[in-house]
Structures are given as structure tokens and as C-alpha cells.
């Protein structure tokens, strides 16, 4: 009986596994987008350097917020 409960905790359903991978993908997307916006010299949108850095930090912070929420849901 105890082994069954431990196996249930270890194995995830396919839906939970898919949502976990999707969450990791979104974390990566927001993180990379924030880094790109901060460090791309010839950024196509005309923004001052200060606004680009602030927006990049905001995106990176949001990505870590999503990552923490993803880990807590597991």
C-alpha cells in the first residue's frame, strides 16, 4: 500500500508532464527574450537604452516568477 502511494508521487500523468514541459518552455522564452532585449545593440524598435534594460529586467523577473510557481505546483 505504501509503495503505491510513493509510485503515484513519482510518476506524473501525461497531462501534468506536458504542462511542466510547456511551463519550462515559457520560462526559457521569457528569459531569453529579456536577455535579447537588454543586450541587442541594433534592436529594431526605437527605445532608449534605459527603457530596454528596464523592460528586459521585467521580463527576466517575470520568467523567474513563472518558474517558482511551476515548481510549487509540482
PDB file of N, CA and C in Angstrom:
ATOM      1  N   UNK A   1       0.824  -1.187   0.000  1.00  0.00           N
ATOM      2  CA  UNK A   1       0.000   0.000   0.000  1.00  0.00           C
ATOM      3  C   UNK A   1       0.870   1.254   0.000  1.00  0.00           C
ATOM      4  N   UNK A   2       1.921   1.257   0.817  1.00  0.00           N
ATOM      5  CA  UNK A   2       2.792   2.426   0.893  1.00  0.00           C
ATOM      6  C   UNK A   2       3.558   2.614  -0.408  1.00  0.00           C
ATOM      7  N   UNK A   3       3.911   1.520  -1.086  1.00  0.00           N
ATOM      8  CA  UNK A   3       4.632   1.636  -2.342  1.00  0.00           C
ATOM      9  C   UNK A   3       3.756   2.253  -3.425  1.00  0.00           C
ATOM     10  N   UNK A   4       2.470   1.937  -3.409  1.00  0.00           N
ATOM     11  CA  UNK A   4       1.564   2.502  -4.397  1.00  0.00           C
ATOM     12  C   UNK A   4       1.500   4.018  -4.282  1.00  0.00           C
ATOM     13  N   UNK A   5       1.455   4.534  -3.070  1.00  0.00           N
ATOM     14  CA  UNK A   5       1.393   5.986  -2.875  1.00  0.00           C
ATOM     15  C   UNK A   5       2.699   6.646  -3.296  1.00  0.00           C
ATOM     16  N   UNK A   6       3.827   5.975  -3.054  1.00  0.00           N
ATOM     17  CA  UNK A   6       5.107   6.538  -3.475  1.00  0.00           C
ATOM     18  C   UNK A   6       5.230   6.540  -4.990  1.00  0.00           C
ATOM     19  N   UNK A   7       4.733   5.511  -5.657  1.00  0.00           N
ATOM     20  CA  UNK A   7       4.783   5.462  -7.112  1.00  0.00           C
ATOM     21  C   UNK A   7       3.892   6.516  -7.731  1.00  0.00           C
ATOM     22  N   UNK A   8       2.763   6.812  -7.106  1.00  0.00           N
ATOM     23  CA  UNK A   8       1.879   7.850  -7.614  1.00  0.00           C
ATOM     24  C   UNK A   8       2.555   9.216  -7.557  1.00  0.00           C
ATOM     25  N   UNK A   9       3.356   9.445  -6.528  1.00  0.00           N
ATOM     26  CA  UNK A   9       4.056  10.720  -6.408  1.00  0.00           C
ATOM     27  C   UNK A   9       5.161  10.846  -7.446  1.00  0.00           C
ATOM     28  N   UNK A  10       5.808   9.737  -7.782  1.00  0.00           N
ATOM     29  CA  UNK A  10       6.932   9.777  -8.709  1.00  0.00           C
ATOM     30  C   UNK A  10       6.450   9.917 -10.141  1.00  0.00           C
ATOM     31  N   UNK A  11       5.483   9.107 -10.542  1.00  0.00           N
ATOM     32  CA  UNK A  11       5.008   9.147 -11.910  1.00  0.00           C
ATOM     33  C   UNK A  11       3.964  10.240 -12.086  1.00  0.00           C
ATOM     34  N   UNK A  12       4.162  11.040 -13.136  1.00  0.00           N
ATOM     35  CA  UNK A  12       3.208  12.089 -13.440  1.00  0.00           C
ATOM     36  C   UNK A  12       2.327  11.626 -14.596  1.00  0.00           C
ATOM     37  N   UNK A  13       1.133  12.162 -14.635  1.00  0.00           N
ATOM     38  CA  UNK A  13       0.271  11.850 -15.756  1.00  0.00           C
ATOM     39  C   UNK A  13       0.826  12.555 -16.994  1.00  0.00           C
ATOM     40  N   UNK A  14       0.456  12.088 -18.166  1.00  0.00           N
ATOM     41  CA  UNK A  14       0.950  12.747 -19.384  1.00  0.00           C
ATOM     42  C   UNK A  14       0.547  14.227 -19.463  1.00  0.00           C
ATOM     43  N   UNK A  15      -0.619  14.560 -18.957  1.00  0.00           N
ATOM     44  CA  UNK A  15      -1.057  15.957 -18.993  1.00  0.00           C
ATOM     45  C   UNK A  15      -0.182  16.821 -18.089  1.00  0.00           C
ATOM     46  N   UNK A  16       0.133  16.331 -16.890  1.00  0.00           N
ATOM     47  CA  UNK A  16       0.990  17.093 -15.986  1.00  0.00           C
ATOM     48  C   UNK A  16       2.395  17.220 -16.551  1.00  0.00           C
ATOM     49  N   UNK A  17       2.886  16.159 -17.163  1.00  0.00           N
ATOM     50  CA  UNK A  17       4.208  16.198 -17.769  1.00  0.00           C
ATOM     51  C   UNK A  17       4.242  17.220 -18.911  1.00  0.00           C
ATOM     52  N   UNK A  18       3.197  17.231 -19.742  1.00  0.00           N
ATOM     53  CA  UNK A  18       3.119  18.185 -20.846  1.00  0.00           C
ATOM     54  C   UNK A  18       3.076  19.620 -20.321  1.00  0.00           C
ATOM     55  N   UNK A  19       2.268  19.867 -19.290  1.00  0.00           N
ATOM     56  CA  UNK A  19       2.177  21.210 -18.741  1.00  0.00           C
ATOM     57  C   UNK A  19       3.485  21.643 -18.087  1.00  0.00           C
ATOM     58  N   UNK A  20       4.202  20.710 -17.490  1.00  0.00           N
ATOM     59  CA  UNK A  20       5.502  21.032 -16.912  1.00  0.00           C
ATOM     60  C   UNK A  20       6.499  21.425 -17.999  1.00  0.00           C
ATOM     61  N   UNK A  21       6.533  20.665 -19.082  1.00  0.00           N
ATOM     62  CA  UNK A  21       7.436  20.985 -20.189  1.00  0.00           C
ATOM     63  C   UNK A  21       7.043  22.297 -20.843  1.00  0.00           C
ATOM     64  N   UNK A  22       5.752  22.546 -20.989  1.00  0.00           N
ATOM     65  CA  UNK A  22       5.284  23.814 -21.539  1.00  0.00           C
ATOM     66  C   UNK A  22       5.683  24.982 -20.635  1.00  0.00           C
ATOM     67  N   UNK A  23       5.566  24.794 -19.324  1.00  0.00           N
ATOM     68  CA  UNK A  23       5.978  25.824 -18.382  1.00  0.00           C
ATOM     69  C   UNK A  23       7.465  26.111 -18.457  1.00  0.00           C
ATOM     70  N   UNK A  24       8.283  25.059 -18.592  1.00  0.00           N
ATOM     71  CA  UNK A  24       9.723  25.263 -18.750  1.00  0.00           C
ATOM     72  C   UNK A  24      10.036  26.000 -20.045  1.00  0.00           C
ATOM     73  N   UNK A  25       9.298  25.667 -21.090  1.00  0.00           N
ATOM     74  CA  UNK A  25       9.482  26.363 -22.368  1.00  0.00           C
ATOM     75  C   UNK A  25       9.143  27.836 -22.269  1.00  0.00           C
ATOM     76  N   UNK A  26       8.062  28.161 -21.575  1.00  0.00           N
ATOM     77  CA  UNK A  26       7.671  29.559 -21.426  1.00  0.00           C
ATOM     78  C   UNK A  26       8.664  30.319 -20.552  1.00  0.00           C
ATOM     79  N   UNK A  27       9.184  29.662 -19.501  1.00  0.00           N
ATOM     80  CA  UNK A  27      10.220  30.274 -18.684  1.00  0.00           C
ATOM     81  C   UNK A  27      11.429  30.616 -19.542  1.00  0.00           C
ATOM     82  N   UNK A  28      11.856  29.660 -20.369  1.00  0.00           N
ATOM     83  CA  UNK A  28      13.006  29.878 -21.235  1.00  0.00           C
ATOM     84  C   UNK A  28      12.737  30.987 -22.237  1.00  0.00           C
ATOM     85  N   UNK A  29      11.549  31.007 -22.808  1.00  0.00           N
ATOM     86  CA  UNK A  29      11.197  32.025 -23.791  1.00  0.00           C
ATOM     87  C   UNK A  29      11.261  33.428 -23.190  1.00  0.00           C
ATOM     88  N   UNK A  30      10.641  33.631 -22.034  1.00  0.00           N
ATOM     89  CA  UNK A  30      10.648  34.951 -21.404  1.00  0.00           C
ATOM     90  C   UNK A  30      12.048  35.363 -20.973  1.00  0.00           C
ATOM     91  N   UNK A  31      12.824  34.406 -20.465  1.00  0.00           N
ATOM     92  CA  UNK A  31      14.187  34.709 -20.023  1.00  0.00           C
ATOM     93  C   UNK A  31      15.060  35.131 -21.204  1.00  0.00           C
ATOM     94  N   UNK A  32      15.022  34.348 -22.287  1.00  0.00           N
ATOM     95  CA  UNK A  32      15.828  34.659 -23.467  1.00  0.00           C
ATOM     96  C   UNK A  32      15.369  35.969 -24.106  1.00  0.00           C
ATOM     97  N   UNK A  33      14.080  36.210 -24.150  1.00  0.00           N
ATOM     98  CA  UNK A  33      13.573  37.457 -24.713  1.00  0.00           C
ATOM     99  C   UNK A  33      14.058  38.655 -23.903  1.00  0.00           C
ATOM    100  N   UNK A  34      14.069  38.532 -22.583  1.00  0.00           N
ATOM    101  CA  UNK A  34      14.572  39.611 -21.741  1.00  0.00           C
ATOM    102  C   UNK A  34      16.040  39.878 -21.976  1.00  0.00           C
ATOM    103  N   UNK A  35      16.835  38.822 -22.111  1.00  0.00           N
ATOM    104  CA  UNK A  35      18.267  38.994 -22.370  1.00  0.00           C
ATOM    105  C   UNK A  35      18.497  39.610 -23.742  1.00  0.00           C
ATOM    106  N   UNK A  36      17.740  39.164 -24.732  1.00  0.00           N
ATOM    107  CA  UNK A  36      17.884  39.711 -26.083  1.00  0.00           C
ATOM    108  C   UNK A  36      17.555  41.198 -26.099  1.00  0.00           C
ATOM    109  N   UNK A  37      16.470  41.574 -25.467  1.00  0.00           N
ATOM    110  CA  UNK A  37      16.073  42.985 -25.459  1.00  0.00           C
ATOM    111  C   UNK A  37      17.127  43.830 -24.761  1.00  0.00           C
ATOM    112  N   UNK A  38      17.725  43.319 -23.701  1.00  0.00           N
ATOM    113  CA  UNK A  38      18.708  44.102 -22.960  1.00  0.00           C
ATOM    114  C   UNK A  38      20.020  44.285 -23.729  1.00  0.00           C
ATOM    115  N   UNK A  39      20.478  43.257 -24.436  1.00  0.00           N
ATOM    116  CA  UNK A  39      21.829  43.293 -24.981  1.00  0.00           C
ATOM    117  C   UNK A  39      21.937  43.421 -26.493  1.00  0.00           C
ATOM    118  N   UNK A  40      20.831  43.448 -27.220  1.00  0.00           N
ATOM    119  CA  UNK A  40      20.887  43.578 -28.673  1.00  0.00           C
ATOM    120  C   UNK A  40      21.110  45.042 -29.014  1.00  0.00           C
ATOM    121  N   UNK A  41      22.258  45.329 -29.626  1.00  0.00           N
ATOM    122  CA  UNK A  41      22.629  46.721 -29.915  1.00  0.00           C
ATOM    123  C   UNK A  41      21.708  47.365 -30.945  1.00  0.00           C
ATOM    124  N   UNK A  42      21.432  46.672 -32.040  1.00  0.00           N
ATOM    125  CA  UNK A  42      20.596  47.228 -33.114  1.00  0.00           C
ATOM    126  C   UNK A  42      19.172  46.716 -33.009  1.00  0.00           C
ATOM    127  N   UNK A  43      18.552  46.932 -31.857  1.00  0.00           N
ATOM    128  CA  UNK A  43      17.183  46.466 -31.625  1.00  0.00           C
ATOM    129  C   UNK A  43      16.243  47.171 -32.594  1.00  0.00           C
ATOM    130  N   UNK A  44      15.368  46.438 -33.314  1.00  0.00           N
ATOM    131  CA  UNK A  44      14.534  47.043 -34.359  1.00  0.00           C
ATOM    132  C   UNK A  44      13.559  48.120 -33.851  1.00  0.00           C
ATOM    133  N   UNK A  45      13.119  48.027 -32.611  1.00  0.00           N
ATOM    134  CA  UNK A  45      12.197  49.016 -32.071  1.00  0.00           C
ATOM    135  C   UNK A  45      13.014  50.134 -31.438  1.00  0.00           C
ATOM    136  N   UNK A  46      12.676  51.358 -31.771  1.00  0.00           N
ATOM    137  CA  UNK A  46      13.432  52.504 -31.276  1.00  0.00           C
ATOM    138  C   UNK A  46      13.075  52.769 -29.808  1.00  0.00           C
ATOM    139  N   UNK A  47      13.953  52.318 -28.899  1.00  0.00           N
ATOM    140  CA  UNK A  47      13.786  52.522 -27.463  1.00  0.00           C
ATOM    141  C   UNK A  47      15.122  53.007 -26.907  1.00  0.00           C
ATOM    142  N   UNK A  48      15.065  53.819 -25.881  1.00  0.00           N
ATOM    143  CA  UNK A  48      16.315  54.225 -25.252  1.00  0.00           C
ATOM    144  C   UNK A  48      16.901  53.034 -24.485  1.00  0.00           C
ATOM    145  N   UNK A  49      18.186  53.107 -24.210  1.00  0.00           N
ATOM    146  CA  UNK A  49      18.882  52.017 -23.522  1.00  0.00           C
ATOM    147  C   UNK A  49      18.288  51.756 -22.142  1.00  0.00           C
ATOM    148  N   UNK A  50      17.911  52.819 -21.422  1.00  0.00           N
ATOM    149  CA  UNK A  50      17.349  52.649 -20.080  1.00  0.00           C
ATOM    150  C   UNK A  50      16.030  51.885 -20.108  1.00  0.00           C
ATOM    151  N   UNK A  51      15.170  52.202 -21.072  1.00  0.00           N
ATOM    152  CA  UNK A  51      13.891  51.504 -21.171  1.00  0.00           C
ATOM    153  C   UNK A  51      14.081  50.047 -21.587  1.00  0.00           C
ATOM    154  N   UNK A  52      15.053  49.798 -22.467  1.00  0.00           N
ATOM    155  CA  UNK A  52      15.313  48.420 -22.875  1.00  0.00           C
ATOM    156  C   UNK A  52      15.815  47.589 -21.698  1.00  0.00           C
ATOM    157  N   UNK A  53      16.701  48.144 -20.901  1.00  0.00           N
ATOM    158  CA  UNK A  53      17.214  47.422 -19.736  1.00  0.00           C
ATOM    159  C   UNK A  53      16.089  47.176 -18.728  1.00  0.00           C
ATOM    160  N   UNK A  54      15.259  48.193 -18.500  1.00  0.00           N
ATOM    161  CA  UNK A  54      14.151  48.033 -17.547  1.00  0.00           C
ATOM    162  C   UNK A  54      13.164  46.971 -18.036  1.00  0.00           C
ATOM    163  N   UNK A  55      12.854  46.990 -19.331  1.00  0.00           N
ATOM    164  CA  UNK A  55      11.920  46.007 -19.876  1.00  0.00           C
ATOM    165  C   UNK A  55      12.521  44.604 -19.837  1.00  0.00           C
ATOM    166  N   UNK A  56      13.814  44.488 -20.114  1.00  0.00           N
ATOM    167  CA  UNK A  56      14.487  43.194 -20.048  1.00  0.00           C
ATOM    168  C   UNK A  56      14.490  42.638 -18.636  1.00  0.00           C
ATOM    169  N   UNK A  57      14.767  43.492 -17.654  1.00  0.00           N
ATOM    170  CA  UNK A  57      14.749  43.050 -16.256  1.00  0.00           C
ATOM    171  C   UNK A  57      13.346  42.629 -15.846  1.00  0.00           C
ATOM    172  N   UNK A  58      12.347  43.354 -16.314  1.00  0.00           N
ATOM    173  CA  UNK A  58      10.961  42.997 -16.021  1.00  0.00           C
ATOM    174  C   UNK A  58      10.616  41.616 -16.590  1.00  0.00           C
ATOM    175  N   UNK A  59      11.034  41.356 -17.828  1.00  0.00           N
ATOM    176  CA  UNK A  59      10.760  40.050 -18.433  1.00  0.00           C
ATOM    177  C   UNK A  59      11.505  38.925 -17.714  1.00  0.00           C
ATOM    178  N   UNK A  60      12.746  39.165 -17.337  1.00  0.00           N
ATOM    179  CA  UNK A  60      13.514  38.144 -16.620  1.00  0.00           C
ATOM    180  C   UNK A  60      12.892  37.885 -15.245  1.00  0.00           C
ATOM    181  N   UNK A  61      12.483  38.940 -14.558  1.00  0.00           N
ATOM    182  CA  UNK A  61      11.813  38.767 -13.271  1.00  0.00           C
ATOM    183  C   UNK A  61      10.521  37.981 -13.411  1.00  0.00           C
ATOM    184  N   UNK A  62       9.752  38.277 -14.470  1.00  0.00           N
ATOM    185  CA  UNK A  62       8.506  37.553 -14.707  1.00  0.00           C
ATOM    186  C   UNK A  62       8.779  36.081 -15.019  1.00  0.00           C
ATOM    187  N   UNK A  63       9.861  35.822 -15.737  1.00  0.00           N
ATOM    188  CA  UNK A  63      10.176  34.425 -16.051  1.00  0.00           C
ATOM    189  C   UNK A  63      10.506  33.653 -14.779  1.00  0.00           C
ATOM    190  N   UNK A  64      11.235  34.262 -13.835  1.00  0.00           N
ATOM    191  CA  UNK A  64      11.539  33.573 -12.594  1.00  0.00           C
ATOM    192  C   UNK A  64      10.289  33.409 -11.731  1.00  0.00           C
ATOM    193  N   UNK A  65       9.373  34.358 -11.787  1.00  0.00           N
ATOM    194  CA  UNK A  65       8.107  34.217 -11.075  1.00  0.00           C
ATOM    195  C   UNK A  65       7.332  33.014 -11.609  1.00  0.00           C
ATOM    196  N   UNK A  66       7.280  32.871 -12.925  1.00  0.00           N
ATOM    197  CA  UNK A  66       6.611  31.717 -13.529  1.00  0.00           C
ATOM    198  C   UNK A  66       7.300  30.416 -13.149  1.00  0.00           C
ATOM    199  N   UNK A  67       8.646  30.437 -13.085  1.00  0.00           N
ATOM    200  CA  UNK A  67       9.391  29.232 -12.756  1.00  0.00           C
ATOM    201  C   UNK A  67       9.118  28.799 -11.313  1.00  0.00           C
ATOM    202  N   UNK A  68       9.079  29.754 -10.407  1.00  0.00           N
ATOM    203  CA  UNK A  68       8.788  29.433  -8.999  1.00  0.00           C
ATOM    204  C   UNK A  68       7.383  28.874  -8.861  1.00  0.00           C
ATOM    205  N   UNK A  69       6.428  29.481  -9.542  1.00  0.00           N
ATOM    206  CA  UNK A  69       5.051  28.968  -9.498  1.00  0.00           C
ATOM    207  C   UNK A  69       4.959  27.576 -10.090  1.00  0.00           C
ATOM    208  N   UNK A  70       5.757  27.320 -11.135  1.00  0.00           N
ATOM    209  CA  UNK A  70       5.767  25.995 -11.756  1.00  0.00           C
ATOM    210  C   UNK A  70       6.307  24.961 -10.782  1.00  0.00           C
ATOM    211  N   UNK A  71       7.370  25.282 -10.073  1.00  0.00           N
ATOM    212  CA  UNK A  71       7.948  24.333  -9.120  1.00  0.00           C
ATOM    213  C   UNK A  71       7.031  24.110  -7.927  1.00  0.00           C
ATOM    214  N   UNK A  72       6.330  25.139  -7.487  1.00  0.00           N
ATOM    215  CA  UNK A  72       5.404  24.982  -6.363  1.00  0.00           C
ATOM    216  C   UNK A  72       4.206  24.126  -6.731  1.00  0.00           C
ATOM    217  N   UNK A  73       3.784  24.161  -7.982  1.00  0.00           N
ATOM    218  CA  UNK A  73       2.628  23.355  -8.387  1.00  0.00           C
ATOM    219  C   UNK A  73       2.972  21.876  -8.454  1.00  0.00           C
ATOM    220  N   UNK A  74       4.258  21.566  -8.516  1.00  0.00           N
ATOM    221  CA  UNK A  74       4.675  20.163  -8.549  1.00  0.00           C
ATOM    222  C   UNK A  74       4.704  19.675  -7.157  1.00  0.00           C
TER     223      UNK A  74
END
